[in-house]
Amino acid sequence: MSVGSCFMSKFYDVSMRGMEAASLAEWRRELLAGVSGDVLEIGSGTGVNIEYYTDRINSVILTEPDRHMCDILRERLLEFGDARFSLVQAAADDLGYGDNSFDAAVVTLVLCSVVDQLRALTEIKRVLKPGGRSYFIEHVLAEHEPRLIKWQKLLQPVWVCACGSCHLTGDTSRQRLNDSPVQPLPPSRRYP
């Protein structure tokens, strides 16, 4: 694992506090309110989404490829104490589950760090049951905000090293989701 991986796992929750308070917490709450049944969460990180799942779920399998994040997530699951949640170390492009296994897939702030996004999205589609739904929150290139694009491009070389391969300058919604076998909700380009 990279130095960035270790760094990100230790400081992720602290570094995201401002964005969580400004908008992400509410977006997570809105997104996960409709999730039900047997759920697969891809790239669970430190487990920030756990508290936003409702009683409509039967089970949630949290997948995370990074061992440092898994360590933190494992501790969070112990504290949370809900037997409906379990952790499996797995990457988005190789989930290790059979076809048609889940009612829902949840992917929040993950695709920015996935090398082969189309392969990961195909894998997500494969494990969803017929009629299953995918739920996404992703950050993308701020194409309508020239000043923000400038900052994204300036920070990108350092960001990708310090933040677990997260790419600020990718445009997931345009480059990948439009070609994906998974049909997410239409993109919403909003930030407070």
Protein backbone atom coordinates (compact mmCIF):
# COMPACT_ATOMS: atom_id res chain seq x y z
CA MET A 1 0.00 0.00 0.00
CA SER A 2 1.14 3.52 -0.73
CA VAL A 3 2.05 6.28 1.70
CA GLY A 4 -0.99 8.14 0.31
CA SER A 5 -3.20 5.22 1.30
CA CYS A 6 -1.96 5.26 4.89
CA PHE A 7 -2.22 9.07 5.05
CA MET A 8 -5.72 9.13 3.60
CA SER A 9 -7.04 6.48 5.96
CA LYS A 10 -5.81 8.42 8.99
CA PHE A 11 -7.06 11.85 7.91
CA TYR A 12 -10.06 11.15 5.66
CA ASP A 13 -12.81 11.79 8.20
CA VAL A 14 -11.13 14.93 9.56
CA SER A 15 -10.40 16.32 6.10
CA MET A 16 -14.00 15.78 4.97
CA ARG A 17 -15.71 17.40 7.99
CA GLY A 18 -16.31 20.72 6.24
CA MET A 19 -17.83 19.15 3.14
CA GLU A 20 -19.87 16.72 5.23
CA ALA A 21 -21.33 19.64 7.20
CA ALA A 22 -21.87 21.80 4.11
CA SER A 23 -23.62 19.22 1.95
CA LEU A 24 -22.38 15.64 1.88
CA ALA A 25 -24.14 14.49 5.04
CA GLU A 26 -27.49 15.65 3.66
CA TRP A 27 -26.75 14.09 0.25
CA ARG A 28 -25.87 10.79 1.93
CA ARG A 29 -29.08 10.91 3.97
CA GLU A 30 -31.18 11.62 0.84
CA LEU A 31 -29.41 8.98 -1.23
CA LEU A 32 -29.57 6.18 1.31
CA ALA A 33 -33.16 6.83 2.43
CA GLY A 34 -34.42 4.86 -0.57
CA VAL A 35 -32.03 1.93 -0.27
CA SER A 36 -33.58 -1.38 0.79
CA GLY A 37 -33.03 -5.14 0.80
CA ASP A 38 -29.61 -6.74 0.49
CA VAL A 39 -27.06 -4.03 -0.27
CA LEU A 40 -23.49 -4.04 -1.56
CA GLU A 41 -21.52 -0.89 -0.84
CA ILE A 42 -18.45 -0.47 -3.02
CA GLY A 43 -15.42 1.43 -1.68
CA SER A 44 -16.78 1.96 1.81
CA GLY A 45 -13.66 3.76 3.03
CA THR A 46 -13.94 4.52 6.73
CA GLY A 47 -17.66 3.68 6.82
CA VAL A 48 -19.10 7.18 6.77
CA ASN A 49 -22.34 5.95 5.14
CA ILE A 50 -23.19 3.43 7.87
CA GLU A 51 -25.20 5.82 10.02
CA TYR A 52 -27.40 6.87 7.08
CA TYR A 53 -28.85 3.47 6.21
CA THR A 54 -32.45 3.00 7.33
CA ASP A 55 -34.39 0.05 8.73
CA ARG A 56 -35.37 -0.84 5.16
CA ILE A 57 -32.15 -2.80 4.68
CA ASN A 58 -31.76 -6.52 5.36
CA SER A 59 -27.98 -6.55 5.10
CA VAL A 60 -25.13 -4.36 3.90
CA ILE A 61 -21.84 -5.85 2.75
CA LEU A 62 -19.22 -3.12 2.85
CA THR A 63 -16.37 -3.64 0.40
CA GLU A 64 -13.08 -1.77 0.55
CA PRO A 65 -9.81 -2.65 -1.22
CA ASP A 66 -7.47 -0.62 0.99
CA ARG A 67 -6.24 -2.44 4.10
CA HIS A 68 -5.69 0.81 6.03
CA MET A 69 -9.27 1.90 5.39
CA CYS A 70 -10.46 -1.62 6.31
CA ASP A 71 -8.75 -1.33 9.70
CA ILE A 72 -10.63 1.88 10.49
CA LEU A 73 -13.87 0.53 9.07
CA ARG A 74 -13.59 -2.65 11.12
CA GLU A 75 -13.31 -0.54 14.30
CA ARG A 76 -16.28 1.59 13.25
CA LEU A 77 -18.39 -1.53 12.67
CA LEU A 78 -17.53 -2.82 16.15
CA GLU A 79 -18.60 0.49 17.67
CA PHE A 80 -21.77 0.60 15.56
CA GLY A 81 -22.73 -2.91 16.64
CA ASP A 82 -25.30 -3.76 13.95
CA ALA A 83 -25.10 -7.38 12.76
CA ARG A 84 -26.67 -6.45 9.42
CA PHE A 85 -23.32 -4.91 8.38
CA SER A 86 -20.24 -6.89 7.38
CA LEU A 87 -16.89 -6.02 5.80
CA VAL A 88 -15.13 -7.73 2.90
CA GLN A 89 -11.83 -6.57 1.43
CA ALA A 90 -12.55 -6.36 -2.30
CA ALA A 91 -11.96 -4.02 -5.24
CA ALA A 92 -14.73 -2.49 -7.33
CA ASP A 93 -13.68 -4.34 -10.47
CA ASP A 94 -13.55 -7.78 -8.79
CA LEU A 95 -16.29 -8.02 -6.17
CA GLY A 96 -16.29 -11.80 -5.83
CA TYR A 97 -20.07 -12.30 -5.65
CA GLY A 98 -22.36 -14.25 -7.92
CA ASP A 99 -24.60 -12.75 -10.56
CA ASN A 100 -27.89 -11.24 -9.37
CA SER A 101 -26.91 -11.22 -5.68
CA PHE A 102 -27.98 -7.76 -4.44
CA ASP A 103 -31.02 -5.50 -4.46
CA ALA A 104 -28.90 -2.35 -4.40
CA ALA A 105 -25.35 -1.13 -4.91
CA VAL A 106 -24.07 2.03 -3.24
CA VAL A 107 -21.02 3.90 -4.56
CA THR A 108 -20.06 7.18 -2.90
CA LEU A 109 -16.92 9.11 -3.83
CA VAL A 110 -15.25 6.00 -5.23
CA LEU A 111 -15.04 6.09 -9.03
CA CYS A 112 -12.55 8.97 -8.88
CA SER A 113 -10.03 6.41 -7.53
CA VAL A 114 -10.88 3.46 -9.78
CA VAL A 115 -8.53 2.88 -12.73
CA ASP A 116 -10.96 0.96 -14.95
CA GLN A 117 -14.28 2.59 -14.17
CA LEU A 118 -16.21 0.85 -16.93
CA ARG A 119 -15.06 -2.55 -15.70
CA ALA A 120 -16.12 -1.64 -12.15
CA LEU A 121 -19.53 -0.45 -13.33
CA THR A 122 -19.98 -3.64 -15.35
CA GLU A 123 -19.13 -5.67 -12.23
CA ILE A 124 -21.69 -3.69 -10.22
CA LYS A 125 -24.36 -4.37 -12.84
CA ARG A 126 -23.48 -8.08 -12.82
CA VAL A 127 -24.06 -8.50 -9.07
CA LEU A 128 -27.34 -6.56 -9.05
CA LYS A 129 -30.56 -8.56 -9.20
CA PRO A 130 -32.91 -7.81 -12.10
CA GLY A 131 -34.58 -4.55 -11.15
CA GLY A 132 -31.78 -3.79 -8.67
CA ARG A 133 -30.73 -0.17 -8.30
CA SER A 134 -27.42 1.60 -8.06
CA TYR A 135 -26.94 4.74 -5.97
CA PHE A 136 -24.05 7.16 -6.61
CA ILE A 137 -22.44 10.27 -5.21
CA GLU A 138 -19.39 11.29 -7.23
CA HIS A 139 -17.27 14.39 -7.56
CA VAL A 140 -16.32 15.48 -11.05
CA LEU A 141 -14.38 18.11 -12.94
CA ALA A 142 -16.01 21.50 -12.34
CA GLU A 143 -16.45 22.22 -16.04
CA HIS A 144 -18.72 25.25 -15.49
CA GLU A 145 -16.47 26.81 -12.84
CA PRO A 146 -13.21 27.98 -14.52
CA ARG A 147 -11.62 29.14 -11.25
CA LEU A 148 -12.37 25.81 -9.57
CA ILE A 149 -11.02 23.88 -12.57
CA LYS A 150 -7.79 25.85 -12.24
CA TRP A 151 -7.49 24.79 -8.58
CA GLN A 152 -8.38 21.18 -9.38
CA LYS A 153 -5.63 21.01 -12.01
CA LEU A 154 -3.11 22.76 -9.78
CA LEU A 155 -3.76 20.43 -6.83
CA GLN A 156 -4.06 17.21 -8.87
CA PRO A 157 -0.38 16.03 -8.72
CA VAL A 158 -0.22 16.30 -4.92
CA TRP A 159 -3.83 15.23 -4.38
CA VAL A 160 -3.48 11.92 -6.20
CA CYS A 161 -0.46 10.99 -4.05
CA ALA A 162 -1.95 12.04 -0.73
CA CYS A 163 -5.52 10.90 -1.29
CA GLY A 164 -5.43 7.27 -2.31
CA SER A 165 -5.34 7.78 -6.10
CA CYS A 166 -8.35 10.12 -6.09
CA HIS A 167 -8.40 12.22 -9.27
CA LEU A 168 -9.82 15.73 -9.03
CA THR A 169 -9.68 16.28 -12.79
CA GLY A 170 -11.61 13.29 -14.05
CA ASP A 171 -15.15 13.66 -15.30
CA THR A 172 -16.79 10.45 -14.20
CA SER A 173 -20.28 11.51 -15.20
CA ARG A 174 -19.37 12.32 -18.77
CA GLN A 175 -16.65 9.77 -19.51
CA ARG A 176 -17.97 6.69 -17.77
CA LEU A 177 -21.50 6.85 -16.47
CA ASN A 178 -22.94 7.68 -19.89
CA ASP A 179 -21.43 4.44 -21.28
CA SER A 180 -22.15 2.37 -18.20
CA PRO A 181 -24.41 -0.66 -18.03
CA VAL A 182 -25.54 0.77 -14.68
CA GLN A 183 -28.14 3.52 -14.94
CA PRO A 184 -27.61 6.01 -12.12
CA LEU A 185 -29.76 9.04 -11.46
CA PRO A 186 -28.98 12.03 -13.70
CA PRO A 187 -25.95 14.00 -12.48
CA SER A 188 -26.52 17.01 -10.28
CA ARG A 189 -23.72 19.53 -10.35
CA ARG A 190 -24.25 21.34 -7.11
CA TYR A 191 -22.13 22.32 -4.22
CA PRO A 192 -23.03 24.99 -1.68
